[in-house]
Protein backbone atom coordinates (compact mmCIF):
# COMPACT_ATOMS: atom_id res chain seq x y z
CA UNK A 1 -12.89 -5.94 4.45
CA UNK A 2 -12.54 -3.90 7.57
CA UNK A 3 -11.42 -0.65 5.73
CA UNK A 4 -8.79 -0.04 8.24
CA UNK A 5 -5.43 2.04 7.22
CA UNK A 6 -2.35 -0.20 8.40
CA UNK A 7 0.42 1.84 7.12
CA UNK A 8 1.33 5.29 5.49
CA UNK A 9 4.47 5.69 3.57
CA UNK A 10 5.54 9.45 2.83
CA UNK A 11 7.58 9.62 -0.48
CA UNK A 12 9.53 12.74 -0.82
CA UNK A 13 11.24 12.02 -4.18
CA UNK A 14 10.14 12.39 -7.53
CA UNK A 15 10.38 10.03 -10.66
CA UNK A 16 10.40 6.36 -10.61
CA UNK A 17 10.96 4.32 -7.32
CA UNK A 18 10.01 1.35 -5.49
CA UNK A 19 8.60 0.23 -2.16
CA UNK A 20 9.10 -3.05 -0.58
CA UNK A 21 6.45 -4.54 1.45
CA UNK A 22 7.49 -6.93 4.12
CA UNK A 23 4.42 -9.17 4.81
CA UNK A 24 5.64 -11.08 7.86
CA UNK A 25 3.60 -8.99 10.18
CA UNK A 26 0.54 -9.11 7.93
CA UNK A 27 -1.98 -12.12 8.08
CA UNK A 28 -3.06 -13.97 5.16
CA UNK A 29 -5.54 -12.36 2.76
CA UNK A 30 -6.29 -9.45 0.07
CA UNK A 31 -5.01 -5.89 0.94
CA UNK A 32 -5.68 -2.91 -1.14
CA UNK A 33 -3.34 -0.06 -1.40
CA UNK A 34 -3.49 3.27 -2.93
CA UNK A 35 -1.19 5.96 -4.30
CA UNK A 36 -2.24 9.57 -3.11
CA UNK A 37 -0.72 12.72 -4.54
CA UNK A 38 -1.79 15.97 -3.04
CA UNK A 39 -4.46 14.48 -1.02
CA UNK A 40 -5.88 12.86 -4.35
CA UNK A 41 -6.04 9.04 -5.06
CA UNK A 42 -4.17 8.48 -8.17
CA UNK A 43 -4.80 4.50 -8.52
CA UNK A 44 -5.61 1.54 -6.11
CA UNK A 45 -4.53 -1.69 -6.64
CA UNK A 46 -4.86 -5.34 -4.75
CA UNK A 47 -2.24 -7.29 -2.89
CA UNK A 48 -2.45 -11.09 -2.14
CA UNK A 49 -0.60 -12.07 1.00
CA UNK A 50 -0.10 -15.98 1.08
CA UNK A 51 1.67 -17.93 3.89
């Protein structure tokens, strides 16, 4: 893993929601994504991109 940030999305709403990831521009592999609130990492998960 290279550890580069490839995208940041600001969410200005409270409550439940969804974020769609369009992986057409991503190369095949495993990506990590994190939820950050007030500069604190709340959760980190992995996403697999297969083509």
